[in-house]
Amino acid sequence: MAQTAEGTAVTAPLVYLKPMAGRPRSYTYEPPPGVPWRTGEDAAVPVAVRDLRPVARDVSLDTHGFALVPFTTSFARFEDAAAIKRDYYPEVTDFVRRATGAARVIAFDHNVRSSGVRGRAPSGVREPAKRVHADFTLASGPKRARAELEAAGEDPSRWLAGRYQLVNLWRPIVGPVRAMPLAMLDGRTIAAGDLVLTDLVHPNRTGEIYSLVHNAAHRWYYVPAMRADEAFLIKCYDSDPAAPVRLAPHGAFEDPRTPPDAPPRQSIEVRTLVLFGG
């Protein structure tokens, strides 16, 4: 552990995108034979990842693009996608609405991840996303918001006239997390040239995310031994062009202090559309 002005930090490799010509592409499902899961070359860069706990009260969606929040639930059927949507989504939407002061919140997607799998298991469980990324771009964020409003039977022109955000609620299913913790990037430390448009290929559509190239100014945080009653709120898009931070990239990393017998990280992230009113 290293000591910083904010407290302790661990030096660990974060997986950036190596600068390249062209546009990288990643698949969310097993691609056709001979096609790689993703293009672009990884660059594992050792960085200081700071302990968030000592400064958590000063870190928020508005100021940094993410926040550490308490979150408790009795829901336990994370192997059942239908149950997650029926029973867990309402808990998440209610929590995010209260945390943000939004008029309405729509949960529309989720990922269950485990560091015990590679790629995507038949159950739908995915491995942690190690390449640093942001879930939406300044172009794909509005498109996804419109699509989800239409799917919910809402009039997009009403809600999209006001401020809206795409916010994830990410938390461990089992804690404490000893393997493959999630690192969060302080959104204030991103330069425009760090963000690389990347195609995200789904079976029925192609979305757009940001990959990142390394910048020495980046400031990273994580929560050591994160518990199941703790969660990250992660801003993935903000429609307000004047917002101090419009998104917060993130990625899983290999903590060099992880015990060899540490159980796999199990986590769930739910994506929500946060609507503040027209």
C-alpha atoms as a PDB file:
ATOM      1  CA  MET A   1       0.000   0.000   0.000  1.00  0.00           C
ATOM      2  CA  ALA A   2       1.169   3.500  -0.821  1.00  0.00           C
ATOM      3  CA  GLN A   3       0.309   6.623   1.110  1.00  0.00           C
ATOM      4  CA  THR A   4      -1.280   9.616  -0.639  1.00  0.00           C
ATOM      5  CA  ALA A   5      -2.588  12.953   0.595  1.00  0.00           C
ATOM      6  CA  GLU A   6      -6.048  11.367   0.713  1.00  0.00           C
ATOM      7  CA  GLY A   7      -4.986   8.167   2.461  1.00  0.00           C
ATOM      8  CA  THR A   8      -3.904   4.768   1.234  1.00  0.00           C
ATOM      9  CA  ALA A   9      -3.696   3.536  -2.342  1.00  0.00           C
ATOM     10  CA  VAL A  10      -2.768   0.305  -4.063  1.00  0.00           C
ATOM     11  CA  THR A  11      -0.687   0.245  -7.236  1.00  0.00           C
ATOM     12  CA  ALA A  12      -2.325  -2.078  -9.732  1.00  0.00           C
ATOM     13  CA  PRO A  13      -2.606  -2.444 -13.518  1.00  0.00           C
ATOM     14  CA  LEU A  14      -5.693  -0.964 -15.136  1.00  0.00           C
ATOM     15  CA  VAL A  15      -6.510  -2.113 -18.646  1.00  0.00           C
ATOM     16  CA  TYR A  16      -6.662   0.822 -21.039  1.00  0.00           C
ATOM     17  CA  LEU A  17      -6.943   0.794 -24.817  1.00  0.00           C
ATOM     18  CA  LYS A  18      -3.646   1.200 -26.609  1.00  0.00           C
ATOM     19  CA  PRO A  19      -3.843   4.207 -28.968  1.00  0.00           C
ATOM     20  CA  MET A  20      -4.861   2.970 -32.401  1.00  0.00           C
ATOM     21  CA  ALA A  21      -6.095   4.038 -35.807  1.00  0.00           C
ATOM     22  CA  GLY A  22      -9.699   3.183 -36.533  1.00  0.00           C
ATOM     23  CA  ARG A  23     -12.548   2.249 -34.251  1.00  0.00           C
ATOM     24  CA  PRO A  24     -12.431  -0.692 -31.827  1.00  0.00           C
ATOM     25  CA  ARG A  25     -15.282  -3.181 -31.525  1.00  0.00           C
ATOM     26  CA  SER A  26     -16.455  -5.476 -28.718  1.00  0.00           C
ATOM     27  CA  TYR A  27     -19.046  -8.270 -28.758  1.00  0.00           C
ATOM     28  CA  THR A  28     -21.518  -9.015 -25.963  1.00  0.00           C
ATOM     29  CA  TYR A  29     -22.066 -12.546 -27.297  1.00  0.00           C
ATOM     30  CA  GLU A  30     -19.830 -15.180 -28.856  1.00  0.00           C
ATOM     31  CA  PRO A  31     -18.864 -13.732 -32.232  1.00  0.00           C
ATOM     32  CA  PRO A  32     -18.806 -15.647 -35.523  1.00  0.00           C
ATOM     33  CA  PRO A  33     -15.926 -18.106 -36.040  1.00  0.00           C
ATOM     34  CA  GLY A  34     -12.648 -16.340 -36.617  1.00  0.00           C
ATOM     35  CA  VAL A  35     -13.908 -13.009 -35.271  1.00  0.00           C
ATOM     36  CA  PRO A  36     -12.251 -11.823 -32.015  1.00  0.00           C
ATOM     37  CA  TRP A  37     -14.360 -10.927 -28.989  1.00  0.00           C
ATOM     38  CA  ARG A  38     -12.926  -7.440 -29.247  1.00  0.00           C
ATOM     39  CA  THR A  39     -10.517  -5.490 -31.395  1.00  0.00           C
ATOM     40  CA  GLY A  40      -7.920  -3.020 -30.265  1.00  0.00           C
ATOM     41  CA  GLU A  41      -4.876  -3.815 -28.184  1.00  0.00           C
ATOM     42  CA  ASP A  42      -4.956  -3.631 -24.396  1.00  0.00           C
ATOM     43  CA  ALA A  43      -2.429  -1.568 -22.465  1.00  0.00           C
ATOM     44  CA  ALA A  44      -2.117  -2.603 -18.808  1.00  0.00           C
ATOM     45  CA  VAL A  45      -0.857   0.498 -17.012  1.00  0.00           C
ATOM     46  CA  PRO A  46       0.170   0.484 -13.321  1.00  0.00           C
ATOM     47  CA  VAL A  47      -1.710   3.259 -11.531  1.00  0.00           C
ATOM     48  CA  ALA A  48      -2.440   4.301  -7.965  1.00  0.00           C
ATOM     49  CA  VAL A  49      -5.990   3.311  -7.038  1.00  0.00           C
ATOM     50  CA  ARG A  50      -7.012   5.269  -3.951  1.00  0.00           C
ATOM     51  CA  ASP A  51      -9.138   4.084  -1.060  1.00  0.00           C
ATOM     52  CA  LEU A  52     -12.471   5.877  -1.461  1.00  0.00           C
ATOM     53  CA  ARG A  53     -13.684   5.389   2.092  1.00  0.00           C
ATOM     54  CA  PRO A  54     -11.796   8.325   3.723  1.00  0.00           C
ATOM     55  CA  VAL A  55     -13.224  10.816   1.199  1.00  0.00           C
ATOM     56  CA  ALA A  56     -16.544   9.177   0.312  1.00  0.00           C
ATOM     57  CA  ARG A  57     -18.610  11.974   1.862  1.00  0.00           C
ATOM     58  CA  ASP A  58     -17.039  14.465  -0.536  1.00  0.00           C
ATOM     59  CA  VAL A  59     -17.591  12.340  -3.657  1.00  0.00           C
ATOM     60  CA  SER A  60     -20.918  12.571  -5.498  1.00  0.00           C
ATOM     61  CA  LEU A  61     -22.595  12.034  -8.857  1.00  0.00           C
ATOM     62  CA  ASP A  62     -22.445  15.778  -9.462  1.00  0.00           C
ATOM     63  CA  THR A  63     -18.818  16.370  -8.471  1.00  0.00           C
ATOM     64  CA  HIS A  64     -17.090  13.142  -9.555  1.00  0.00           C
ATOM     65  CA  GLY A  65     -19.647  11.176 -11.568  1.00  0.00           C
ATOM     66  CA  PHE A  66     -20.079   8.438  -8.956  1.00  0.00           C
ATOM     67  CA  ALA A  67     -20.916   7.941  -5.298  1.00  0.00           C
ATOM     68  CA  LEU A  68     -20.614   5.258  -2.629  1.00  0.00           C
ATOM     69  CA  VAL A  69     -24.007   4.681  -1.007  1.00  0.00           C
ATOM     70  CA  PRO A  70     -25.545   2.274   1.521  1.00  0.00           C
ATOM     71  CA  PHE A  71     -27.977  -0.164  -0.088  1.00  0.00           C
ATOM     72  CA  THR A  72     -29.679  -3.117   1.571  1.00  0.00           C
ATOM     73  CA  THR A  73     -31.990  -5.691   0.060  1.00  0.00           C
ATOM     74  CA  SER A  74     -33.473  -9.049   0.974  1.00  0.00           C
ATOM     75  CA  PHE A  75     -33.566 -10.091  -2.679  1.00  0.00           C
ATOM     76  CA  ALA A  76     -31.348 -13.116  -3.334  1.00  0.00           C
ATOM     77  CA  ARG A  77     -32.467 -14.717  -6.620  1.00  0.00           C
ATOM     78  CA  PHE A  78     -29.756 -13.262  -8.810  1.00  0.00           C
ATOM     79  CA  GLU A  79     -29.682 -16.371 -11.000  1.00  0.00           C
ATOM     80  CA  ASP A  80     -33.264 -15.631 -12.122  1.00  0.00           C
ATOM     81  CA  ALA A  81     -33.446 -12.792 -14.681  1.00  0.00           C
ATOM     82  CA  ALA A  82     -37.247 -12.628 -14.560  1.00  0.00           C
ATOM     83  CA  ALA A  83     -37.221 -12.321 -10.765  1.00  0.00           C
ATOM     84  CA  ILE A  84     -34.565  -9.607 -10.949  1.00  0.00           C
ATOM     85  CA  LYS A  85     -36.749  -7.555 -13.280  1.00  0.00           C
ATOM     86  CA  ARG A  86     -39.935  -8.184 -11.313  1.00  0.00           C
ATOM     87  CA  ASP A  87     -38.677  -7.807  -7.740  1.00  0.00           C
ATOM     88  CA  TYR A  88     -35.224  -6.191  -7.726  1.00  0.00           C
ATOM     89  CA  TYR A  89     -35.752  -3.487 -10.344  1.00  0.00           C
ATOM     90  CA  PRO A  90     -38.467  -1.745  -8.260  1.00  0.00           C
ATOM     91  CA  GLU A  91     -36.123  -1.572  -5.266  1.00  0.00           C
ATOM     92  CA  VAL A  92     -33.408  -0.057  -7.425  1.00  0.00           C
ATOM     93  CA  THR A  93     -35.670   2.485  -9.119  1.00  0.00           C
ATOM     94  CA  ASP A  94     -37.080   3.652  -5.796  1.00  0.00           C
ATOM     95  CA  PHE A  95     -33.592   3.992  -4.325  1.00  0.00           C
ATOM     96  CA  VAL A  96     -32.180   5.889  -7.315  1.00  0.00           C
ATOM     97  CA  ARG A  97     -35.200   8.201  -7.387  1.00  0.00           C
ATOM     98  CA  ARG A  98     -34.705   9.120  -3.737  1.00  0.00           C
ATOM     99  CA  ALA A  99     -30.923   9.424  -4.097  1.00  0.00           C
ATOM    100  CA  THR A 100     -31.117  11.777  -7.092  1.00  0.00           C
ATOM    101  CA  GLY A 101     -34.356  13.655  -6.438  1.00  0.00           C
ATOM    102  CA  ALA A 102     -35.666  12.583  -9.846  1.00  0.00           C
ATOM    103  CA  ALA A 103     -39.301  12.749 -10.871  1.00  0.00           C
ATOM    104  CA  ARG A 104     -39.178   9.261 -12.337  1.00  0.00           C
ATOM    105  CA  VAL A 105     -36.680   6.419 -12.772  1.00  0.00           C
ATOM    106  CA  ILE A 106     -36.911   3.529 -15.244  1.00  0.00           C
ATOM    107  CA  ALA A 107     -34.727   0.431 -14.799  1.00  0.00           C
ATOM    108  CA  PHE A 108     -34.105  -1.109 -18.202  1.00  0.00           C
ATOM    109  CA  ASP A 109     -31.136  -3.484 -18.152  1.00  0.00           C
ATOM    110  CA  HIS A 110     -28.802  -5.411 -15.882  1.00  0.00           C
ATOM    111  CA  ASN A 111     -25.652  -7.526 -15.848  1.00  0.00           C
ATOM    112  CA  VAL A 112     -24.724 -10.197 -13.331  1.00  0.00           C
ATOM    113  CA  ARG A 113     -20.960 -10.742 -13.264  1.00  0.00           C
ATOM    114  CA  SER A 114     -18.574 -13.230 -11.693  1.00  0.00           C
ATOM    115  CA  SER A 115     -14.802 -13.413 -11.859  1.00  0.00           C
ATOM    116  CA  GLY A 116     -15.256 -17.192 -11.853  1.00  0.00           C
ATOM    117  CA  VAL A 117     -16.373 -17.229 -15.507  1.00  0.00           C
ATOM    118  CA  ARG A 118     -14.642 -16.351 -18.757  1.00  0.00           C
ATOM    119  CA  GLY A 119     -16.599 -14.555 -21.427  1.00  0.00           C
ATOM    120  CA  ARG A 120     -20.277 -15.239 -20.877  1.00  0.00           C
ATOM    121  CA  ALA A 121     -21.650 -18.362 -19.199  1.00  0.00           C
ATOM    122  CA  PRO A 122     -24.755 -20.170 -20.530  1.00  0.00           C
ATOM    123  CA  SER A 123     -26.615 -18.744 -17.523  1.00  0.00           C
ATOM    124  CA  GLY A 124     -25.955 -15.232 -18.831  1.00  0.00           C
ATOM    125  CA  VAL A 125     -23.431 -14.407 -16.096  1.00  0.00           C
ATOM    126  CA  ARG A 126     -20.523 -12.409 -17.514  1.00  0.00           C
ATOM    127  CA  GLU A 127     -16.942 -11.992 -16.448  1.00  0.00           C
ATOM    128  CA  PRO A 128     -15.958  -8.594 -14.971  1.00  0.00           C
ATOM    129  CA  ALA A 129     -15.264  -5.907 -17.559  1.00  0.00           C
ATOM    130  CA  LYS A 130     -11.550  -5.177 -17.186  1.00  0.00           C
ATOM    131  CA  ARG A 131     -11.030  -2.763 -20.070  1.00  0.00           C
ATOM    132  CA  VAL A 132     -11.725   0.754 -18.788  1.00  0.00           C
ATOM    133  CA  HIS A 133     -14.922   2.035 -20.371  1.00  0.00           C
ATOM    134  CA  ALA A 134     -17.980   4.250 -20.078  1.00  0.00           C
ATOM    135  CA  ASP A 135     -21.320   2.592 -20.841  1.00  0.00           C
ATOM    136  CA  PHE A 136     -22.643   5.329 -23.145  1.00  0.00           C
ATOM    137  CA  THR A 137     -21.319   8.138 -25.308  1.00  0.00           C
ATOM    138  CA  LEU A 138     -22.647  11.645 -25.844  1.00  0.00           C
ATOM    139  CA  ALA A 139     -24.420  10.246 -28.923  1.00  0.00           C
ATOM    140  CA  SER A 140     -25.616   6.845 -27.703  1.00  0.00           C
ATOM    141  CA  GLY A 141     -26.900   8.157 -24.361  1.00  0.00           C
ATOM    142  CA  PRO A 142     -29.778  10.173 -25.868  1.00  0.00           C
ATOM    143  CA  LYS A 143     -30.609   7.355 -28.297  1.00  0.00           C
ATOM    144  CA  ARG A 144     -30.892   4.844 -25.474  1.00  0.00           C
ATOM    145  CA  ALA A 145     -32.967   7.240 -23.371  1.00  0.00           C
ATOM    146  CA  ARG A 146     -35.431   7.751 -26.220  1.00  0.00           C
ATOM    147  CA  ALA A 147     -35.651   4.020 -26.910  1.00  0.00           C
ATOM    148  CA  GLU A 148     -36.355   3.183 -23.272  1.00  0.00           C
ATOM    149  CA  LEU A 149     -39.029   5.865 -22.970  1.00  0.00           C
ATOM    150  CA  GLU A 150     -40.756   4.525 -26.065  1.00  0.00           C
ATOM    151  CA  ALA A 151     -40.526   0.977 -24.691  1.00  0.00           C
ATOM    152  CA  ALA A 152     -42.139   2.196 -21.454  1.00  0.00           C
ATOM    153  CA  GLY A 153     -45.008   3.819 -23.370  1.00  0.00           C
ATOM    154  CA  GLU A 154     -43.860   7.325 -22.495  1.00  0.00           C
ATOM    155  CA  ASP A 155     -43.715  10.394 -24.735  1.00  0.00           C
ATOM    156  CA  PRO A 156     -39.989  11.102 -25.244  1.00  0.00           C
ATOM    157  CA  SER A 157     -40.643  14.722 -26.209  1.00  0.00           C
ATOM    158  CA  ARG A 158     -42.068  15.346 -22.754  1.00  0.00           C
ATOM    159  CA  TRP A 159     -39.209  13.914 -20.731  1.00  0.00           C
ATOM    160  CA  LEU A 160     -36.245  14.642 -22.976  1.00  0.00           C
ATOM    161  CA  ALA A 161     -37.029  18.353 -22.956  1.00  0.00           C
ATOM    162  CA  GLY A 162     -35.753  18.392 -19.380  1.00  0.00           C
ATOM    163  CA  ARG A 163     -32.611  17.062 -17.778  1.00  0.00           C
ATOM    164  CA  TYR A 164     -32.086  13.321 -17.713  1.00  0.00           C
ATOM    165  CA  GLN A 165     -29.284  10.944 -16.811  1.00  0.00           C
ATOM    166  CA  LEU A 166     -28.305   7.316 -17.265  1.00  0.00           C
ATOM    167  CA  VAL A 167     -27.184   5.995 -13.880  1.00  0.00           C
ATOM    168  CA  ASN A 168     -26.064   2.494 -12.888  1.00  0.00           C
ATOM    169  CA  LEU A 169     -26.443   0.982  -9.450  1.00  0.00           C
ATOM    170  CA  TRP A 170     -23.549  -1.475  -9.015  1.00  0.00           C
ATOM    171  CA  ARG A 171     -23.081  -3.634  -5.935  1.00  0.00           C
ATOM    172  CA  PRO A 172     -21.567  -6.899  -4.768  1.00  0.00           C
ATOM    173  CA  ILE A 173     -23.975  -9.811  -4.462  1.00  0.00           C
ATOM    174  CA  VAL A 174     -21.677 -11.341  -1.853  1.00  0.00           C
ATOM    175  CA  GLY A 175     -19.157  -9.472   0.233  1.00  0.00           C
ATOM    176  CA  PRO A 176     -16.557  -8.587   1.103  1.00  0.00           C
ATOM    177  CA  VAL A 177     -15.068  -8.325  -2.383  1.00  0.00           C
ATOM    178  CA  ARG A 178     -11.501  -9.661  -2.370  1.00  0.00           C
ATOM    179  CA  ALA A 179     -11.025 -10.386  -6.078  1.00  0.00           C
ATOM    180  CA  MET A 180     -11.416  -8.097  -9.105  1.00  0.00           C
ATOM    181  CA  PRO A 181     -12.772  -4.984  -7.345  1.00  0.00           C
ATOM    182  CA  LEU A 182     -14.264  -2.159  -9.384  1.00  0.00           C
ATOM    183  CA  ALA A 183     -12.198   0.988  -9.940  1.00  0.00           C
ATOM    184  CA  MET A 184     -13.942   4.320 -10.548  1.00  0.00           C
ATOM    185  CA  LEU A 185     -12.386   7.222 -12.439  1.00  0.00           C
ATOM    186  CA  ASP A 186     -12.874  10.767 -11.177  1.00  0.00           C
ATOM    187  CA  GLY A 187     -14.717  12.294 -14.117  1.00  0.00           C
ATOM    188  CA  ARG A 188     -13.031  15.660 -13.582  1.00  0.00           C
ATOM    189  CA  THR A 189      -9.688  14.174 -14.627  1.00  0.00           C
ATOM    190  CA  ILE A 190     -10.767  13.082 -18.124  1.00  0.00           C
ATOM    191  CA  ALA A 191      -9.567  14.940 -21.217  1.00  0.00           C
ATOM    192  CA  ALA A 192     -11.648  14.786 -24.386  1.00  0.00           C
ATOM    193  CA  GLY A 193      -8.852  12.984 -26.215  1.00  0.00           C
ATOM    194  CA  ASP A 194      -8.920  10.138 -23.671  1.00  0.00           C
ATOM    195  CA  LEU A 195     -12.316   8.912 -24.897  1.00  0.00           C
ATOM    196  CA  VAL A 196     -12.380   6.526 -27.863  1.00  0.00           C
ATOM    197  CA  LEU A 197     -15.654   5.705 -29.625  1.00  0.00           C
ATOM    198  CA  THR A 198     -16.140   1.936 -29.544  1.00  0.00           C
ATOM    199  CA  ASP A 199     -18.803  -0.257 -31.164  1.00  0.00           C
ATOM    200  CA  LEU A 200     -20.567  -2.628 -28.763  1.00  0.00           C
ATOM    201  CA  VAL A 201     -22.156  -5.394 -30.814  1.00  0.00           C
ATOM    202  CA  HIS A 202     -25.297  -7.089 -29.478  1.00  0.00           C
ATOM    203  CA  PRO A 203     -27.158  -9.914 -31.241  1.00  0.00           C
ATOM    204  CA  ASN A 204     -29.806  -7.514 -32.544  1.00  0.00           C
ATOM    205  CA  ARG A 205     -28.128  -4.110 -32.587  1.00  0.00           C
ATOM    206  CA  THR A 206     -24.849  -2.235 -32.328  1.00  0.00           C
ATOM    207  CA  GLY A 207     -24.412   0.273 -29.538  1.00  0.00           C
ATOM    208  CA  GLU A 208     -21.654   2.751 -28.811  1.00  0.00           C
ATOM    209  CA  ILE A 209     -19.501   3.114 -25.703  1.00  0.00           C
ATOM    210  CA  TYR A 210     -16.250   4.844 -24.817  1.00  0.00           C
ATOM    211  CA  SER A 211     -12.975   3.021 -24.319  1.00  0.00           C
ATOM    212  CA  LEU A 212     -10.173   5.057 -22.747  1.00  0.00           C
ATOM    213  CA  VAL A 213      -6.510   5.624 -23.436  1.00  0.00           C
ATOM    214  CA  HIS A 214      -4.220   6.319 -20.507  1.00  0.00           C
ATOM    215  CA  ASN A 215      -3.689   9.799 -19.167  1.00  0.00           C
ATOM    216  CA  ALA A 216      -1.365  10.396 -16.213  1.00  0.00           C
ATOM    217  CA  ALA A 217      -3.867  12.929 -14.855  1.00  0.00           C
ATOM    218  CA  HIS A 218      -6.484  10.223 -14.231  1.00  0.00           C
ATOM    219  CA  ARG A 219      -7.409   9.782 -10.578  1.00  0.00           C
ATOM    220  CA  TRP A 220      -8.785   6.378  -9.622  1.00  0.00           C
ATOM    221  CA  TYR A 221     -10.706   5.145  -6.563  1.00  0.00           C
ATOM    222  CA  TYR A 222     -12.001   1.848  -5.226  1.00  0.00           C
ATOM    223  CA  VAL A 223     -13.556   0.476  -2.049  1.00  0.00           C
ATOM    224  CA  PRO A 224     -11.383  -2.158  -0.328  1.00  0.00           C
ATOM    225  CA  ALA A 225     -13.341  -5.223   0.800  1.00  0.00           C
ATOM    226  CA  MET A 226     -16.570  -3.721  -0.503  1.00  0.00           C
ATOM    227  CA  ARG A 227     -19.605  -5.151   1.276  1.00  0.00           C
ATOM    228  CA  ALA A 228     -22.925  -6.363  -0.102  1.00  0.00           C
ATOM    229  CA  ASP A 229     -24.702  -3.523   1.723  1.00  0.00           C
ATOM    230  CA  GLU A 230     -22.654  -0.937  -0.191  1.00  0.00           C
ATOM    231  CA  ALA A 231     -23.215   0.204  -3.768  1.00  0.00           C
ATOM    232  CA  PHE A 232     -21.843   2.553  -6.379  1.00  0.00           C
ATOM    233  CA  LEU A 233     -24.063   4.988  -8.190  1.00  0.00           C
ATOM    234  CA  ILE A 234     -22.337   5.536 -11.537  1.00  0.00           C
ATOM    235  CA  LYS A 235     -23.253   8.339 -13.917  1.00  0.00           C
ATOM    236  CA  CYS A 236     -23.049   7.014 -17.476  1.00  0.00           C
ATOM    237  CA  TYR A 237     -24.605  10.009 -19.248  1.00  0.00           C
ATOM    238  CA  ASP A 238     -25.913  13.459 -18.326  1.00  0.00           C
ATOM    239  CA  SER A 239     -27.961  15.526 -20.768  1.00  0.00           C
ATOM    240  CA  ASP A 240     -26.855  18.784 -19.132  1.00  0.00           C
ATOM    241  CA  PRO A 241     -23.875  20.100 -21.151  1.00  0.00           C
ATOM    242  CA  ALA A 242     -22.975  22.386 -18.242  1.00  0.00           C
ATOM    243  CA  ALA A 243     -22.709  19.538 -15.726  1.00  0.00           C
ATOM    244  CA  PRO A 244     -19.231  19.424 -14.119  1.00  0.00           C
ATOM    245  CA  VAL A 245     -19.027  15.693 -14.914  1.00  0.00           C
ATOM    246  CA  ARG A 246     -21.145  13.997 -17.581  1.00  0.00           C
ATOM    247  CA  LEU A 247     -19.884  10.429 -17.149  1.00  0.00           C
ATOM    248  CA  ALA A 248     -17.606   8.278 -15.004  1.00  0.00           C
ATOM    249  CA  PRO A 249     -15.554   5.515 -16.665  1.00  0.00           C
ATOM    250  CA  HIS A 250     -14.772   2.401 -14.675  1.00  0.00           C
ATOM    251  CA  GLY A 251     -13.222  -1.056 -14.895  1.00  0.00           C
ATOM    252  CA  ALA A 252     -12.385  -4.115 -12.830  1.00  0.00           C
ATOM    253  CA  PHE A 253      -8.772  -4.652 -11.825  1.00  0.00           C
ATOM    254  CA  GLU A 254      -6.561  -7.314 -10.306  1.00  0.00           C
ATOM    255  CA  ASP A 255      -5.638  -6.250  -6.784  1.00  0.00           C
ATOM    256  CA  PRO A 256      -2.123  -7.585  -6.101  1.00  0.00           C
ATOM    257  CA  ARG A 257      -3.096  -8.205  -2.468  1.00  0.00           C
ATOM    258  CA  THR A 258      -5.922 -10.608  -3.373  1.00  0.00           C
ATOM    259  CA  PRO A 259      -5.428 -13.898  -1.459  1.00  0.00           C
ATOM    260  CA  PRO A 260      -5.002 -16.926  -3.735  1.00  0.00           C
ATOM    261  CA  ASP A 261      -8.047 -18.583  -2.148  1.00  0.00           C
ATOM    262  CA  ALA A 262     -10.300 -15.517  -2.470  1.00  0.00           C
ATOM    263  CA  PRO A 263     -13.797 -16.374  -3.697  1.00  0.00           C
ATOM    264  CA  PRO A 264     -14.840 -15.033  -7.112  1.00  0.00           C
ATOM    265  CA  ARG A 265     -16.327 -11.564  -7.212  1.00  0.00           C
ATOM    266  CA  GLN A 266     -20.071 -11.688  -7.775  1.00  0.00           C
ATOM    267  CA  SER A 267     -21.844  -8.445  -8.607  1.00  0.00           C
ATOM    268  CA  ILE A 268     -24.905  -6.975 -10.269  1.00  0.00           C
ATOM    269  CA  GLU A 269     -25.325  -3.668 -12.041  1.00  0.00           C
ATOM    270  CA  VAL A 270     -28.721  -2.255 -12.989  1.00  0.00           C
ATOM    271  CA  ARG A 271     -28.950   0.514 -15.574  1.00  0.00           C
ATOM    272  CA  THR A 272     -31.554   3.196 -15.020  1.00  0.00           C
ATOM    273  CA  LEU A 273     -32.922   6.196 -16.867  1.00  0.00           C
ATOM    274  CA  VAL A 274     -33.240   9.087 -14.428  1.00  0.00           C
ATOM    275  CA  LEU A 275     -35.801  11.730 -15.414  1.00  0.00           C
ATOM    276  CA  PHE A 276     -36.014  15.123 -13.747  1.00  0.00           C
ATOM    277  CA  GLY A 277     -39.079  16.443 -15.586  1.00  0.00           C
ATOM    278  CA  GLY A 278     -39.917  18.304 -18.768  1.00  0.00           C
END
